[in-house]
PDB file of N, CA and C in Angstrom:
ATOM      1  N   MET A   1      28.904  28.806  -5.157  1.00  0.00           N
ATOM      2  CA  MET A   1      27.401  28.223  -4.558  1.00  0.00           C
ATOM      3  C   MET A   1      26.716  27.609  -5.590  1.00  0.00           C
ATOM      4  N   GLN A   2      26.785  27.807  -6.897  1.00  0.00           N
ATOM      5  CA  GLN A   2      26.241  26.786  -7.576  1.00  0.00           C
ATOM      6  C   GLN A   2      27.122  25.729  -7.829  1.00  0.00           C
ATOM      7  N   THR A   3      28.250  25.880  -7.834  1.00  0.00           N
ATOM      8  CA  THR A   3      29.070  24.858  -8.118  1.00  0.00           C
ATOM      9  C   THR A   3      28.565  23.562  -6.926  1.00  0.00           C
ATOM     10  N   PHE A   4      28.955  24.232  -5.418  1.00  0.00           N
ATOM     11  CA  PHE A   4      28.531  23.012  -4.642  1.00  0.00           C
ATOM     12  C   PHE A   4      27.131  22.631  -4.803  1.00  0.00           C
ATOM     13  N   ILE A   5      26.093  22.981  -5.426  1.00  0.00           N
ATOM     14  CA  ILE A   5      24.719  22.600  -5.264  1.00  0.00           C
ATOM     15  C   ILE A   5      24.448  21.404  -6.528  1.00  0.00           C
ATOM     16  N   LEU A   6      25.120  22.015  -7.553  1.00  0.00           N
ATOM     17  CA  LEU A   6      25.545  20.757  -8.970  1.00  0.00           C
ATOM     18  C   LEU A   6      25.856  19.216  -7.886  1.00  0.00           C
ATOM     19  N   ILE A   7      26.855  19.641  -7.400  1.00  0.00           N
ATOM     20  CA  ILE A   7      28.299  18.487  -7.244  1.00  0.00           C
ATOM     21  C   ILE A   7      27.136  17.955  -6.074  1.00  0.00           C
ATOM     22  N   GLY A   8      26.469  18.501  -5.546  1.00  0.00           N
ATOM     23  CA  GLY A   8      25.070  17.598  -4.043  1.00  0.00           C
ATOM     24  C   GLY A   8      24.398  16.972  -5.303  1.00  0.00           C
ATOM     25  N   LEU A   9      23.489  17.320  -6.250  1.00  0.00           N
ATOM     26  CA  LEU A   9      22.608  16.860  -6.952  1.00  0.00           C
ATOM     27  C   LEU A   9      23.797  15.874  -8.011  1.00  0.00           C
ATOM     28  N   ILE A  10      24.835  15.951  -8.049  1.00  0.00           N
ATOM     29  CA  ILE A  10      25.147  14.825  -9.280  1.00  0.00           C
ATOM     30  C   ILE A  10      25.664  13.606  -8.020  1.00  0.00           C
ATOM     31  N   THR A  11      26.047  13.803  -6.937  1.00  0.00           N
ATOM     32  CA  THR A  11      26.195  12.775  -6.081  1.00  0.00           C
ATOM     33  C   THR A  11      24.718  12.374  -4.973  1.00  0.00           C
ATOM     34  N   VAL A  12      24.220  13.319  -4.725  1.00  0.00           N
ATOM     35  CA  VAL A  12      22.661  12.536  -4.497  1.00  0.00           C
ATOM     36  C   VAL A  12      21.825  11.338  -5.633  1.00  0.00           C
ATOM     37  N   SER A  13      21.742  12.229  -6.610  1.00  0.00           N
ATOM     38  CA  SER A  13      20.952  11.491  -7.571  1.00  0.00           C
ATOM     39  C   SER A  13      22.026  10.135  -8.076  1.00  0.00           C
ATOM     40  N   THR A  14      23.256   9.985  -8.334  1.00  0.00           N
ATOM     41  CA  THR A  14      23.939   8.846  -8.118  1.00  0.00           C
ATOM     42  C   THR A  14      23.704   7.716  -7.266  1.00  0.00           C
ATOM     43  N   LEU A  15      23.236   8.340  -5.838  1.00  0.00           N
ATOM     44  CA  LEU A  15      23.225   7.728  -4.447  1.00  0.00           C
ATOM     45  C   LEU A  15      21.944   6.775  -4.639  1.00  0.00           C
ATOM     46  N   LEU A  16      21.200   7.876  -5.318  1.00  0.00           N
ATOM     47  CA  LEU A  16      19.689   7.528  -5.343  1.00  0.00           C
ATOM     48  C   LEU A  16      19.213   6.650  -6.619  1.00  0.00           C
ATOM     49  N   ILE A  17      20.067   6.628  -7.482  1.00  0.00           N
ATOM     50  CA  ILE A  17      19.681   5.706  -8.675  1.00  0.00           C
ATOM     51  C   ILE A  17      20.362   4.507  -7.906  1.00  0.00           C
ATOM     52  N   ILE A  18      21.304   4.051  -6.875  1.00  0.00           N
ATOM     53  CA  ILE A  18      22.183   3.113  -6.255  1.00  0.00           C
ATOM     54  C   ILE A  18      21.328   2.277  -5.447  1.00  0.00           C
ATOM     55  N   SER A  19      20.815   3.165  -4.653  1.00  0.00           N
ATOM     56  CA  SER A  19      19.638   2.294  -3.649  1.00  0.00           C
ATOM     57  C   SER A  19      18.453   1.833  -3.898  1.00  0.00           C
ATOM     58  N   ILE A  20      17.761   2.716  -5.844  1.00  0.00           N
ATOM     59  CA  ILE A  20      16.727   1.912  -6.135  1.00  0.00           C
ATOM     60  C   ILE A  20      16.697   0.909  -7.305  1.00  0.00           C
ATOM     61  N   LEU A  21      18.017   0.796  -7.468  1.00  0.00           N
ATOM     62  CA  LEU A  21      18.439  -0.215  -8.026  1.00  0.00           C
ATOM     63  C   LEU A  21      19.042  -1.716  -7.197  1.00  0.00           C
ATOM     64  N   SER A  22      19.212  -1.121  -6.245  1.00  0.00           N
ATOM     65  CA  SER A  22      19.459  -2.215  -5.167  1.00  0.00           C
ATOM     66  C   SER A  22      18.080  -2.920  -4.441  1.00  0.00           C
ATOM     67  N   GLN A  23      17.088  -2.306  -4.524  1.00  0.00           N
ATOM     68  CA  GLN A  23      15.658  -2.144  -4.596  1.00  0.00           C
ATOM     69  C   GLN A  23      15.186  -3.457  -5.264  1.00  0.00           C
ATOM     70  N   GLN A  24      15.256  -3.713  -6.692  1.00  0.00           N
ATOM     71  CA  GLN A  24      15.033  -4.353  -7.703  1.00  0.00           C
ATOM     72  C   GLN A  24      16.263  -5.287  -7.665  1.00  0.00           C
ATOM     73  N   MET A  25      17.156  -5.856  -6.989  1.00  0.00           N
ATOM     74  CA  MET A  25      18.112  -7.097  -7.228  1.00  0.00           C
ATOM     75  C   MET A  25      17.379  -8.042  -6.136  1.00  0.00           C
ATOM     76  N   GLY A  26      16.329  -7.296  -5.476  1.00  0.00           N
ATOM     77  CA  GLY A  26      15.650  -8.588  -4.594  1.00  0.00           C
ATOM     78  C   GLY A  26      14.337  -9.136  -5.236  1.00  0.00           C
ATOM     79  N   SER A  27      14.204  -8.909  -5.815  1.00  0.00           N
ATOM     80  CA  SER A  27      12.703  -8.972  -6.498  1.00  0.00           C
ATOM     81  C   SER A  27      13.460  -9.985  -7.774  1.00  0.00           C
ATOM     82  N   SER A  28      12.050 -10.878  -8.327  1.00  0.00           N
ATOM     83  CA  SER A  28      12.501 -11.994  -9.302  1.00  0.00           C
ATOM     84  C   SER A  28      12.269 -11.332 -10.808  1.00  0.00           C
ATOM     85  N   ILE A  29      13.278 -11.657 -11.431  1.00  0.00           N
ATOM     86  CA  ILE A  29      12.929 -11.055 -12.841  1.00  0.00           C
ATOM     87  C   ILE A  29      11.564 -11.027 -13.359  1.00  0.00           C
ATOM     88  N   GLY A  30      10.772 -11.469 -13.607  1.00  0.00           N
ATOM     89  CA  GLY A  30       9.272 -11.328 -13.890  1.00  0.00           C
ATOM     90  C   GLY A  30       8.816 -10.201 -12.804  1.00  0.00           C
ATOM     91  N   GLY A  31       9.095 -10.224 -11.775  1.00  0.00           N
ATOM     92  CA  GLY A  31       8.096  -9.036 -10.956  1.00  0.00           C
ATOM     93  C   GLY A  31       9.062  -8.015 -11.776  1.00  0.00           C
ATOM     94  N   SER A  32       9.707  -7.745 -11.653  1.00  0.00           N
ATOM     95  CA  SER A  32      10.909  -6.589 -12.116  1.00  0.00           C
ATOM     96  C   SER A  32      10.534  -6.083 -13.421  1.00  0.00           C
ATOM     97  N   PHE A  33      10.207  -6.649 -14.140  1.00  0.00           N
ATOM     98  CA  PHE A  33       9.533  -6.171 -15.871  1.00  0.00           C
ATOM     99  C   PHE A  33       7.875  -6.891 -16.044  1.00  0.00           C
ATOM    100  N   GLY A  34       7.065  -6.499 -14.744  1.00  0.00           N
ATOM    101  CA  GLY A  34       5.967  -6.337 -14.905  1.00  0.00           C
ATOM    102  C   GLY A  34       5.460  -7.894 -15.212  1.00  0.00           C
ATOM    103  N   GLY A  35       5.785  -9.030 -14.735  1.00  0.00           N
ATOM    104  CA  GLY A  35       5.013 -10.314 -14.914  1.00  0.00           C
ATOM    105  C   GLY A  35       4.763 -10.773 -13.803  1.00  0.00           C
ATOM    106  N   THR A  36       4.039 -11.708 -13.572  1.00  0.00           N
ATOM    107  CA  THR A  36       3.560 -11.855 -12.214  1.00  0.00           C
ATOM    108  C   THR A  36       4.666 -12.140 -11.446  1.00  0.00           C
ATOM    109  N   GLY A  37       4.280 -11.945  -9.817  1.00  0.00           N
ATOM    110  CA  GLY A  37       4.837 -11.888  -8.387  1.00  0.00           C
ATOM    111  C   GLY A  37       4.742 -11.036  -7.918  1.00  0.00           C
ATOM    112  N   THR A  38       3.150 -11.526  -7.270  1.00  0.00           N
ATOM    113  CA  THR A  38       2.233 -10.658  -6.493  1.00  0.00           C
ATOM    114  C   THR A  38       2.842 -10.974  -4.982  1.00  0.00           C
ATOM    115  N   ASN A  39       4.057 -10.690  -4.095  1.00  0.00           N
ATOM    116  CA  ASN A  39       4.148 -11.141  -3.146  1.00  0.00           C
ATOM    117  C   ASN A  39       4.125 -10.166  -2.136  1.00  0.00           C
ATOM    118  N   TYR A  40       2.705  -9.854  -1.839  1.00  0.00           N
ATOM    119  CA  TYR A  40       2.729  -8.336  -0.938  1.00  0.00           C
ATOM    120  C   TYR A  40       3.092  -9.036   0.982  1.00  0.00           C
ATOM    121  N   GLN A  41       4.337  -8.713   0.840  1.00  0.00           N
ATOM    122  CA  GLN A  41       5.129  -8.498   2.523  1.00  0.00           C
ATOM    123  C   GLN A  41       5.466  -7.222   3.250  1.00  0.00           C
ATOM    124  N   THR A  42       5.433  -7.289   4.317  1.00  0.00           N
ATOM    125  CA  THR A  42       5.961  -6.375   4.617  1.00  0.00           C
ATOM    126  C   THR A  42       7.394  -6.264   4.900  1.00  0.00           C
ATOM    127  N   ARG A  43       8.666  -4.786   4.649  1.00  0.00           N
ATOM    128  CA  ARG A  43       9.789  -4.381   4.540  1.00  0.00           C
ATOM    129  C   ARG A  43      10.522  -4.991   6.030  1.00  0.00           C
ATOM    130  N   ARG A  44      11.246  -5.175   5.707  1.00  0.00           N
ATOM    131  CA  ARG A  44      11.747  -5.783   6.285  1.00  0.00           C
ATOM    132  C   ARG A  44      13.906  -5.533   7.068  1.00  0.00           C
ATOM    133  N   GLY A  45      14.027  -4.818   7.578  1.00  0.00           N
ATOM    134  CA  GLY A  45      15.905  -5.412   7.211  1.00  0.00           C
ATOM    135  C   GLY A  45      16.240  -4.346   6.637  1.00  0.00           C
ATOM    136  N   LEU A  46      17.064  -4.237   5.423  1.00  0.00           N
ATOM    137  CA  LEU A  46      17.882  -4.125   4.419  1.00  0.00           C
ATOM    138  C   LEU A  46      16.732  -3.263   3.428  1.00  0.00           C
ATOM    139  N   GLU A  47      15.802  -4.053   3.344  1.00  0.00           N
ATOM    140  CA  GLU A  47      14.723  -3.860   2.156  1.00  0.00           C
ATOM    141  C   GLU A  47      14.347  -2.421   3.125  1.00  0.00           C
ATOM    142  N   LYS A  48      14.197  -2.488   4.437  1.00  0.00           N
ATOM    143  CA  LYS A  48      13.374  -1.139   4.477  1.00  0.00           C
ATOM    144  C   LYS A  48      13.935  -0.089   4.622  1.00  0.00           C
ATOM    145  N   ARG A  49      15.465  -0.320   4.942  1.00  0.00           N
ATOM    146  CA  ARG A  49      16.472   1.174   5.117  1.00  0.00           C
ATOM    147  C   ARG A  49      16.864   1.858   3.388  1.00  0.00           C
ATOM    148  N   LEU A  50      16.719   0.350   2.721  1.00  0.00           N
ATOM    149  CA  LEU A  50      16.772   1.179   1.386  1.00  0.00           C
ATOM    150  C   LEU A  50      15.684   1.548   0.962  1.00  0.00           C
ATOM    151  N   LEU A  51      14.515   1.506   1.260  1.00  0.00           N
ATOM    152  CA  LEU A  51      13.135   2.313   1.259  1.00  0.00           C
ATOM    153  C   LEU A  51      13.417   3.919   2.087  1.00  0.00           C
ATOM    154  N   GLN A  52      13.786   3.821   2.699  1.00  0.00           N
ATOM    155  CA  GLN A  52      13.920   4.895   3.526  1.00  0.00           C
ATOM    156  C   GLN A  52      15.028   5.861   3.447  1.00  0.00           C
ATOM    157  N   ALA A  53      16.183   5.401   2.427  1.00  0.00           N
ATOM    158  CA  ALA A  53      17.595   5.933   2.091  1.00  0.00           C
ATOM    159  C   ALA A  53      16.738   6.127   0.539  1.00  0.00           C
ATOM    160  N   ALA A  54      15.391   5.525  -0.152  1.00  0.00           N
ATOM    161  CA  ALA A  54      15.716   6.476  -1.227  1.00  0.00           C
ATOM    162  C   ALA A  54      14.797   7.715  -0.963  1.00  0.00           C
ATOM    163  N   THR A  55      14.240   7.169  -0.069  1.00  0.00           N
ATOM    164  CA  THR A  55      13.196   8.214   0.049  1.00  0.00           C
ATOM    165  C   THR A  55      13.799   9.764   0.621  1.00  0.00           C
ATOM    166  N   LEU A  56      14.603   9.309   1.383  1.00  0.00           N
ATOM    167  CA  LEU A  56      15.163  10.948   1.726  1.00  0.00           C
ATOM    168  C   LEU A  56      16.569  11.283   0.968  1.00  0.00           C
ATOM    169  N   LEU A  57      16.843  10.348   0.160  1.00  0.00           N
ATOM    170  CA  LEU A  57      17.496  11.016  -1.234  1.00  0.00           C
ATOM    171  C   LEU A  57      16.928  11.764  -2.297  1.00  0.00           C
ATOM    172  N   ALA A  58      15.535  11.173  -2.450  1.00  0.00           N
ATOM    173  CA  ALA A  58      14.599  12.023  -3.234  1.00  0.00           C
ATOM    174  C   ALA A  58      14.340  13.292  -3.073  1.00  0.00           C
ATOM    175  N   VAL A  59      13.621  13.397  -1.161  1.00  0.00           N
ATOM    176  CA  VAL A  59      13.422  15.023  -0.924  1.00  0.00           C
ATOM    177  C   VAL A  59      14.606  16.265  -0.790  1.00  0.00           C
ATOM    178  N   LEU A  60      16.085  15.163  -0.718  1.00  0.00           N
ATOM    179  CA  LEU A  60      16.552  16.413  -0.926  1.00  0.00           C
ATOM    180  C   LEU A  60      17.379  16.208  -2.102  1.00  0.00           C
ATOM    181  N   MET A  61      17.098  15.300  -3.188  1.00  0.00           N
ATOM    182  CA  MET A  61      17.502  16.264  -4.536  1.00  0.00           C
ATOM    183  C   MET A  61      16.289  17.270  -4.732  1.00  0.00           C
ATOM    184  N   SER A  62      14.936  16.867  -4.073  1.00  0.00           N
ATOM    185  CA  SER A  62      14.332  18.266  -4.731  1.00  0.00           C
ATOM    186  C   SER A  62      14.319  19.475  -4.073  1.00  0.00           C
ATOM    187  N   VAL A  63      15.328  19.403  -3.130  1.00  0.00           N
ATOM    188  CA  VAL A  63      15.064  20.448  -2.119  1.00  0.00           C
ATOM    189  C   VAL A  63      16.310  21.433  -2.594  1.00  0.00           C
ATOM    190  N   LEU A  64      17.170  20.389  -3.311  1.00  0.00           N
ATOM    191  CA  LEU A  64      18.456  21.042  -3.760  1.00  0.00           C
ATOM    192  C   LEU A  64      18.386  21.432  -5.098  1.00  0.00           C
ATOM    193  N   SER A  65      17.563  20.818  -6.230  1.00  0.00           N
ATOM    194  CA  SER A  65      16.623  21.296  -7.449  1.00  0.00           C
ATOM    195  C   SER A  65      16.257  22.279  -7.239  1.00  0.00           C
ATOM    196  N   LEU A  66      15.237  22.528  -6.605  1.00  0.00           N
ATOM    197  CA  LEU A  66      14.854  23.986  -6.631  1.00  0.00           C
ATOM    198  C   LEU A  66      15.410  24.900  -5.449  1.00  0.00           C
ATOM    199  N   SER A  67      16.604  24.667  -4.427  1.00  0.00           N
ATOM    200  CA  SER A  67      17.130  25.582  -4.208  1.00  0.00           C
ATOM    201  C   SER A  67      18.863  26.431  -5.233  1.00  0.00           C
ATOM    202  N   TYR A  68      18.026  25.000  -6.408  1.00  0.00           N
ATOM    203  CA  TYR A  68      19.743  25.629  -7.291  1.00  0.00           C
ATOM    204  C   TYR A  68      18.275  26.315  -8.350  1.00  0.00           C
ATOM    205  N   LEU A  69      17.250  26.410  -8.237  1.00  0.00           N
ATOM    206  CA  LEU A  69      16.349  27.182  -9.454  1.00  0.00           C
ATOM    207  C   LEU A  69      16.420  28.448  -8.840  1.00  0.00           C
ATOM    208  N   ILE A  70      16.539  28.425  -7.934  1.00  0.00           N
ATOM    209  CA  ILE A  70      16.270  29.811  -6.781  1.00  0.00           C
ATOM    210  C   ILE A  70      17.504  30.794  -7.302  1.00  0.00           C
ATOM    211  N   ILE A  71      18.746  30.216  -6.809  1.00  0.00           N
ATOM    212  CA  ILE A  71      19.719  31.022  -6.937  1.00  0.00           C
ATOM    213  C   ILE A  71      20.276  31.275  -7.887  1.00  0.00           C
TER     214      ILE A  71
END
């Protein structure tokens, strides 16, 4: 059982990293590293789906981590 949870954790963490890095590719270089680039707008399309995927993966990773800790 622990092996399946560890494989799930590795998979979810890799997907989470990819989804977070994909969100950063859309912004400018200066905005990524703390420069001025403050355009606030609503998220639409792919950007919205990436945010939802990152949120879901973060919750799933938390659940898997807690279940690994308990088991």
